[in-house]
């Protein structure tokens, strides 16, 4: 059998399939026996989420963040992320590496130059095998989360950031 599907389309289709599976897992967690309850943050943060291609993932992430007491804003591309960061003044910026109009790494470098070390930059990607913490640091990121993000890991990370910002 000959595969007539172009590799780029196959990759796009596979990514969409993983997103749907992730959405199903989140939906399954809404069942009464598997609820992931909101956990009010001791120190609410201002978080900018820059994710372009997976609107469902972005909305779920922002919903989780706001349910936990954080204030969240969304950017759909790199340029918008820079503009939004300038007006929103976030504590944390979570960026998809594959954003259009300036990829996540370029946005991170630009934000790092503008805000120095006072801003926590987090890379988000499906490509966990291709992007690791060492490359995250080289790209001006402070941390990296592979998608789908484990909720308990994200909450622990944000709680630690809150403690640091509070001087703890």
Protein backbone atom coordinates (compact mmCIF):
# COMPACT_ATOMS: atom_id res chain seq x y z
CA UNK A 1 0.00 0.00 0.00
CA UNK A 2 1.33 3.45 -0.96
CA UNK A 3 0.96 6.30 1.52
CA UNK A 4 -0.34 9.31 -0.45
CA UNK A 5 -0.61 11.63 2.55
CA UNK A 6 2.11 14.32 2.53
CA UNK A 7 4.33 14.13 5.67
CA UNK A 8 3.50 17.73 6.71
CA UNK A 9 -0.22 17.01 6.59
CA UNK A 10 0.27 13.73 8.47
CA UNK A 11 2.16 15.57 11.22
CA UNK A 12 -0.61 18.20 11.41
CA UNK A 13 -3.26 15.45 11.57
CA UNK A 14 -1.33 13.59 14.28
CA UNK A 15 -1.04 16.79 16.34
CA UNK A 16 -4.79 17.42 16.04
CA UNK A 17 -5.46 13.82 17.06
CA UNK A 18 -3.29 14.24 20.18
CA UNK A 19 -5.15 17.47 21.00
CA UNK A 20 -8.50 15.70 20.68
CA UNK A 21 -7.26 12.88 22.91
CA UNK A 22 -6.07 15.45 25.46
CA UNK A 23 -9.49 17.15 25.35
CA UNK A 24 -11.18 13.79 25.91
CA UNK A 25 -8.95 13.14 28.91
CA UNK A 26 -9.81 16.54 30.36
CA UNK A 27 -13.50 15.92 29.68
CA UNK A 28 -13.22 12.54 31.39
CA UNK A 29 -11.72 14.31 34.40
CA UNK A 30 -14.92 16.31 34.69
CA UNK A 31 -16.86 13.20 35.65
CA UNK A 32 -17.99 13.33 39.30
CA UNK A 33 -15.48 10.70 40.46
CA UNK A 34 -12.48 12.25 38.68
CA UNK A 35 -12.93 15.99 39.18
CA UNK A 36 -9.76 18.07 39.27
CA UNK A 37 -10.94 20.69 41.75
CA UNK A 38 -9.76 24.27 41.61
CA UNK A 39 -6.95 24.91 44.04
CA UNK A 40 -6.83 28.54 45.05
CA UNK A 41 -3.29 29.81 44.71
CA UNK A 42 -1.79 31.28 47.85
CA UNK A 43 -0.17 33.96 45.71
CA UNK A 44 -2.22 34.63 42.54
CA UNK A 45 -0.07 35.37 39.50
CA UNK A 46 -0.58 37.30 36.29
CA UNK A 47 0.00 34.78 33.49
CA UNK A 48 0.16 35.42 29.75
CA UNK A 49 -0.54 32.33 27.63
CA UNK A 50 0.69 32.44 24.03
CA UNK A 51 -0.70 29.41 22.17
CA UNK A 52 -1.76 29.77 18.56
CA UNK A 53 -2.80 26.45 17.08
CA UNK A 54 -4.75 24.66 19.79
CA UNK A 55 -7.54 27.01 20.87
CA UNK A 56 -9.19 24.27 22.94
CA UNK A 57 -5.96 23.63 24.84
CA UNK A 58 -5.46 27.36 25.40
CA UNK A 59 -9.01 27.84 26.70
CA UNK A 60 -8.65 24.84 29.04
CA UNK A 61 -5.34 26.16 30.35
CA UNK A 62 -6.71 29.67 30.91
CA UNK A 63 -9.81 28.17 32.55
CA UNK A 64 -7.63 26.15 34.92
CA UNK A 65 -5.45 29.15 35.75
CA UNK A 66 -8.38 31.46 36.45
CA UNK A 67 -10.22 28.78 38.47
CA UNK A 68 -7.10 28.56 40.63
CA UNK A 69 -7.24 32.33 41.24
CA UNK A 70 -4.66 33.56 38.75
CA UNK A 71 -5.30 36.33 36.23
CA UNK A 72 -4.67 35.13 32.68
CA UNK A 73 -4.44 36.77 29.27
CA UNK A 74 -4.12 35.18 25.85
CA UNK A 75 -1.99 35.95 22.79
CA UNK A 76 -2.46 34.13 19.48
CA UNK A 77 0.86 35.04 17.89
CA UNK A 78 4.32 36.29 18.79
CA UNK A 79 3.77 39.97 18.06
CA UNK A 80 0.53 39.99 20.05
CA UNK A 81 2.38 38.30 22.94
CA UNK A 82 4.93 41.14 23.01
CA UNK A 83 2.22 43.82 22.90
CA UNK A 84 0.10 42.07 25.53
CA UNK A 85 3.09 41.59 27.85
CA UNK A 86 3.82 45.33 27.67
CA UNK A 87 0.30 46.25 28.82
CA UNK A 88 -0.66 43.22 30.95
CA UNK A 89 2.63 43.11 32.94
CA UNK A 90 2.60 39.35 33.64
CA UNK A 91 4.60 37.48 36.27
CA UNK A 92 4.75 34.40 34.01
CA UNK A 93 4.61 34.04 30.23
CA UNK A 94 3.85 30.60 28.79
CA UNK A 95 4.72 30.41 25.08
CA UNK A 96 4.09 27.81 22.41
CA UNK A 97 7.32 27.31 20.49
CA UNK A 98 5.57 27.22 17.10
CA UNK A 99 3.72 30.54 17.21
CA UNK A 100 3.34 32.53 13.96
CA UNK A 101 4.58 36.09 13.38
CA UNK A 102 7.55 35.42 15.69
CA UNK A 103 8.11 32.00 17.25
CA UNK A 104 8.10 31.36 20.98
CA UNK A 105 11.91 31.37 21.28
CA UNK A 106 12.20 34.76 19.55
CA UNK A 107 9.44 36.19 21.76
CA UNK A 108 11.21 34.83 24.86
CA UNK A 109 14.52 36.44 23.86
CA UNK A 110 12.80 39.76 23.20
CA UNK A 111 10.91 39.66 26.50
CA UNK A 112 14.09 38.73 28.35
CA UNK A 113 15.86 41.79 26.88
CA UNK A 114 12.97 44.07 27.81
CA UNK A 115 12.22 42.68 31.27
CA UNK A 116 15.59 41.24 32.28
CA UNK A 117 15.28 38.53 34.94
CA UNK A 118 12.03 39.75 36.50
CA UNK A 119 9.81 37.69 34.22
CA UNK A 120 9.37 33.90 34.30
CA UNK A 121 9.31 32.46 30.77
CA UNK A 122 7.92 28.97 30.14
CA UNK A 123 8.13 27.04 26.85
CA UNK A 124 5.21 24.83 25.79
CA UNK A 125 5.49 22.20 23.07
CA UNK A 126 4.32 18.81 21.91
CA UNK A 127 7.89 18.08 20.84
CA UNK A 128 9.29 16.93 24.18
CA UNK A 129 11.94 14.75 22.57
CA UNK A 130 13.28 17.65 20.51
CA UNK A 131 13.23 20.38 23.14
CA UNK A 132 14.70 19.94 26.57
CA UNK A 133 15.55 22.13 29.55
CA UNK A 134 19.06 22.91 28.25
CA UNK A 135 17.63 24.26 25.00
CA UNK A 136 14.97 26.11 26.97
CA UNK A 137 17.68 27.97 28.89
CA UNK A 138 19.55 28.76 25.66
CA UNK A 139 16.35 30.29 24.27
CA UNK A 140 15.84 32.52 27.34
CA UNK A 141 13.19 30.24 28.87
CA UNK A 142 13.26 29.47 32.58
CA UNK A 143 11.21 26.29 32.37
CA UNK A 144 9.64 23.89 29.89
CA UNK A 145 6.39 21.92 29.90
CA UNK A 146 5.63 19.20 27.36
CA UNK A 147 1.98 19.10 26.32
CA UNK A 148 -0.28 17.76 27.56
CA UNK A 149 0.64 19.45 30.81
CA UNK A 150 0.23 17.54 34.05
CA UNK A 151 -2.00 19.72 36.26
CA UNK A 152 -0.24 18.88 39.54
CA UNK A 153 3.17 19.73 38.06
CA UNK A 154 1.88 23.05 36.72
CA UNK A 155 0.29 23.96 40.05
CA UNK A 156 3.46 23.06 41.98
CA UNK A 157 5.55 25.15 39.57
CA UNK A 158 3.25 28.18 39.88
CA UNK A 159 3.14 27.83 43.68
CA UNK A 160 6.94 27.85 43.78
CA UNK A 161 7.01 30.98 41.60
CA UNK A 162 4.51 32.63 43.94
CA UNK A 163 6.72 31.85 46.94
CA UNK A 164 9.79 33.29 45.23
CA UNK A 165 7.92 36.47 44.26
CA UNK A 166 6.72 36.81 47.85
CA UNK A 167 10.33 36.62 49.03
CA UNK A 168 10.04 33.11 50.47
